[in-house]
Amino acid sequence: MSITLGCRKYKLQHLVPGSHCFPGKGILEAALAECPLDLNLCSSLLQIDFEDVIAEPEGTHSFDGIWKASFTTFTVTKYWFYRLLSAIFGIPMALIWGIYFAILSFLHIWAVVPCIRSYLIEIQCISRVYSICIHTFCDPLFEAIGKMFSSIRATVRKEI
């Protein structure tokens, strides 16, 4: 028997805590450890390293100690500040975005799509009447104009 957790399909025997596949881990921990958190690559633009921000061109280098200290400061600050902001604002923002997308889904399903379908049904009737009017009045007019101008011949001569 197998179950699907996150992005992977697991055999049930491998998900038992203490098994050879995930020793000492539970089912949820095993699934989270195996699956990337950003499956749709929504945050690919945010994968920024120190070299992407602070890049010294060839021929211009600071002291190695300064470079290493700057690298460590940047990396540690980014890591811990993100964790701090996530701890403080992560759950409230998840709640706000969850409510927003629930409202958006509700409005799309119960208001937008029915309005568009209704509009398309109504406009279909109007388009038939419009089509009849065009074929009745404009087709003969344009056909007559076409016959008038069909006898005109144009020739181009090149004079030297």
Protein backbone atom coordinates (compact mmCIF):
# COMPACT_ATOMS: atom_id res chain seq x y z
CA MET A 1 0.00 0.00 0.00
CA SER A 2 1.26 3.49 -0.81
CA ILE A 3 0.16 7.03 -0.03
CA THR A 4 1.05 10.41 -1.52
CA LEU A 5 2.39 13.17 0.69
CA GLY A 6 3.43 16.46 -0.80
CA CYS A 7 5.22 15.71 -4.04
CA ARG A 8 6.24 12.11 -3.43
CA LYS A 9 4.52 8.75 -3.33
CA TYR A 10 5.63 6.55 -0.42
CA LYS A 11 5.21 2.91 0.43
CA LEU A 12 3.53 2.72 3.80
CA GLN A 13 6.24 0.48 5.25
CA HIS A 14 8.85 3.18 4.59
CA LEU A 15 6.91 5.85 6.46
CA VAL A 16 6.85 4.04 9.77
CA PRO A 17 8.95 5.96 12.31
CA GLY A 18 12.26 4.21 12.81
CA SER A 19 12.16 2.45 9.44
CA HIS A 20 15.27 2.08 7.30
CA CYS A 21 14.08 4.78 4.89
CA PHE A 22 13.38 7.50 7.45
CA PRO A 23 14.93 6.39 10.73
CA GLY A 24 13.38 8.19 13.67
CA LYS A 25 11.16 10.44 11.53
CA GLY A 26 7.39 10.55 11.38
CA ILE A 27 5.28 10.65 8.24
CA LEU A 28 5.00 14.44 8.05
CA GLU A 29 8.67 15.04 8.80
CA ALA A 30 9.65 12.51 6.13
CA ALA A 31 7.44 14.18 3.52
CA LEU A 32 8.71 17.66 4.34
CA ALA A 33 12.34 16.52 4.35
CA GLU A 34 11.98 14.95 0.90
CA CYS A 35 9.92 17.62 -0.90
CA PRO A 36 10.99 21.08 -1.93
CA LEU A 37 8.81 23.79 -0.39
CA ASP A 38 8.62 25.86 -3.58
CA LEU A 39 7.29 23.32 -6.09
CA ASN A 40 6.10 25.93 -8.62
CA LEU A 41 9.29 28.00 -8.33
CA CYS A 42 7.29 31.04 -7.23
CA SER A 43 10.27 32.41 -5.31
CA SER A 44 13.04 31.71 -7.81
CA LEU A 45 13.81 35.45 -8.08
CA LEU A 46 14.49 35.58 -4.34
CA GLN A 47 17.29 33.02 -4.35
CA ILE A 48 19.95 35.67 -3.86
CA ASP A 49 23.45 34.92 -2.68
CA PHE A 50 26.14 37.32 -1.51
CA GLU A 51 27.89 37.21 -4.89
CA ASP A 52 24.67 38.28 -6.63
CA VAL A 53 24.50 41.48 -4.56
CA ILE A 54 28.11 42.34 -3.80
CA ALA A 55 30.21 41.47 -6.83
CA GLU A 56 33.75 42.71 -7.15
CA PRO A 57 34.89 42.90 -10.77
CA GLU A 58 38.08 41.28 -11.95
CA GLY A 59 41.08 43.33 -10.89
CA THR A 60 39.29 44.99 -7.96
CA HIS A 61 39.35 42.95 -4.79
CA SER A 62 39.16 43.86 -1.13
CA PHE A 63 41.16 42.13 1.59
CA ASP A 64 40.25 38.46 2.05
CA GLY A 65 39.35 39.02 5.72
CA ILE A 66 36.98 41.87 4.83
CA TRP A 67 35.39 39.81 2.07
CA LYS A 68 34.86 36.79 4.37
CA ALA A 69 33.47 38.95 7.19
CA SER A 70 31.13 40.73 4.77
CA PHE A 71 30.00 37.41 3.34
CA THR A 72 29.33 35.98 6.81
CA THR A 73 27.53 39.14 7.98
CA PHE A 74 25.33 39.27 4.89
CA THR A 75 24.44 35.56 4.97
CA VAL A 76 23.75 35.34 8.70
CA THR A 77 21.77 38.61 8.76
CA LYS A 78 19.63 37.56 5.80
CA TYR A 79 19.03 34.11 7.29
CA TRP A 80 18.07 35.21 10.82
CA PHE A 81 16.17 38.34 9.85
CA TYR A 82 14.05 36.28 7.44
CA ARG A 83 13.40 33.76 10.22
CA LEU A 84 12.46 36.54 12.64
CA LEU A 85 10.07 38.15 10.15
CA SER A 86 8.59 34.74 9.32
CA ALA A 87 8.06 33.97 13.00
CA ILE A 88 6.36 37.32 13.65
CA PHE A 89 4.37 37.83 10.44
CA GLY A 90 4.18 34.39 8.82
CA ILE A 91 0.97 33.11 10.41
CA PRO A 92 -0.92 36.44 10.23
CA MET A 93 0.08 36.89 6.57
CA ALA A 94 -0.90 33.30 5.80
CA LEU A 95 -4.28 34.00 7.40
CA ILE A 96 -4.73 37.24 5.42
CA TRP A 97 -3.71 35.63 2.11
CA GLY A 98 -5.87 32.59 2.83
CA ILE A 99 -8.90 34.84 3.41
CA TYR A 100 -8.07 36.90 0.31
CA PHE A 101 -7.80 33.90 -1.99
CA ALA A 102 -10.92 32.33 -0.47
CA ILE A 103 -12.87 35.53 -1.24
CA LEU A 104 -11.32 35.71 -4.70
CA SER A 105 -12.23 32.08 -5.41
CA PHE A 106 -15.74 32.57 -4.06
CA LEU A 107 -16.34 35.67 -6.19
CA HIS A 108 -14.89 34.02 -9.28
CA ILE A 109 -17.01 30.89 -8.89
CA TRP A 110 -20.27 32.49 -7.75
CA ALA A 111 -20.19 35.91 -9.46
CA VAL A 112 -17.67 36.41 -12.26
CA VAL A 113 -18.14 33.19 -14.24
CA PRO A 114 -21.96 33.27 -14.07
CA CYS A 115 -21.95 36.93 -15.18
CA ILE A 116 -19.68 36.15 -18.11
CA ARG A 117 -21.81 33.14 -19.11
CA SER A 118 -24.97 35.24 -18.88
CA TYR A 119 -23.37 37.99 -20.95
CA LEU A 120 -22.30 35.50 -23.63
CA ILE A 121 -25.84 34.09 -23.83
CA GLU A 122 -27.35 37.57 -24.15
CA ILE A 123 -24.77 38.81 -26.65
CA GLN A 124 -25.37 35.76 -28.84
CA CYS A 125 -28.95 36.92 -29.48
CA ILE A 126 -27.78 40.46 -30.21
CA SER A 127 -25.06 39.19 -32.54
CA ARG A 128 -27.62 37.32 -34.63
CA VAL A 129 -29.75 40.47 -35.04
CA TYR A 130 -26.64 42.50 -35.87
CA SER A 131 -25.53 39.89 -38.42
CA ILE A 132 -28.93 39.97 -40.13
CA CYS A 133 -28.82 43.80 -40.32
CA ILE A 134 -25.31 43.78 -41.80
CA HIS A 135 -26.20 41.14 -44.39
CA THR A 136 -29.43 42.95 -45.27
CA PHE A 137 -28.13 46.51 -45.63
CA CYS A 138 -24.35 46.49 -46.02
CA ASP A 139 -23.81 43.45 -48.27
CA PRO A 140 -25.85 44.87 -51.19
CA LEU A 141 -24.22 48.29 -50.77
CA PHE A 142 -20.68 46.94 -50.83
CA GLU A 143 -21.51 44.57 -53.68
CA ALA A 144 -22.79 47.52 -55.76
CA ILE A 145 -19.72 49.62 -54.94
CA GLY A 146 -17.52 46.67 -55.89
CA LYS A 147 -19.25 46.28 -59.25
CA MET A 148 -18.86 50.02 -59.91
CA PHE A 149 -15.15 49.98 -59.32
CA SER A 150 -14.53 46.59 -60.95
CA SER A 151 -14.37 48.10 -64.44
CA ILE A 152 -11.57 50.50 -63.50
CA ARG A 153 -8.22 49.37 -64.85
CA ALA A 154 -4.94 50.85 -63.74
CA THR A 155 -1.69 50.52 -65.60
CA VAL A 156 1.70 51.75 -64.56
CA ARG A 157 4.15 53.06 -67.13
CA LYS A 158 7.66 53.97 -66.50
CA GLU A 159 8.78 56.90 -68.59
CA ILE A 160 12.41 57.55 -69.10
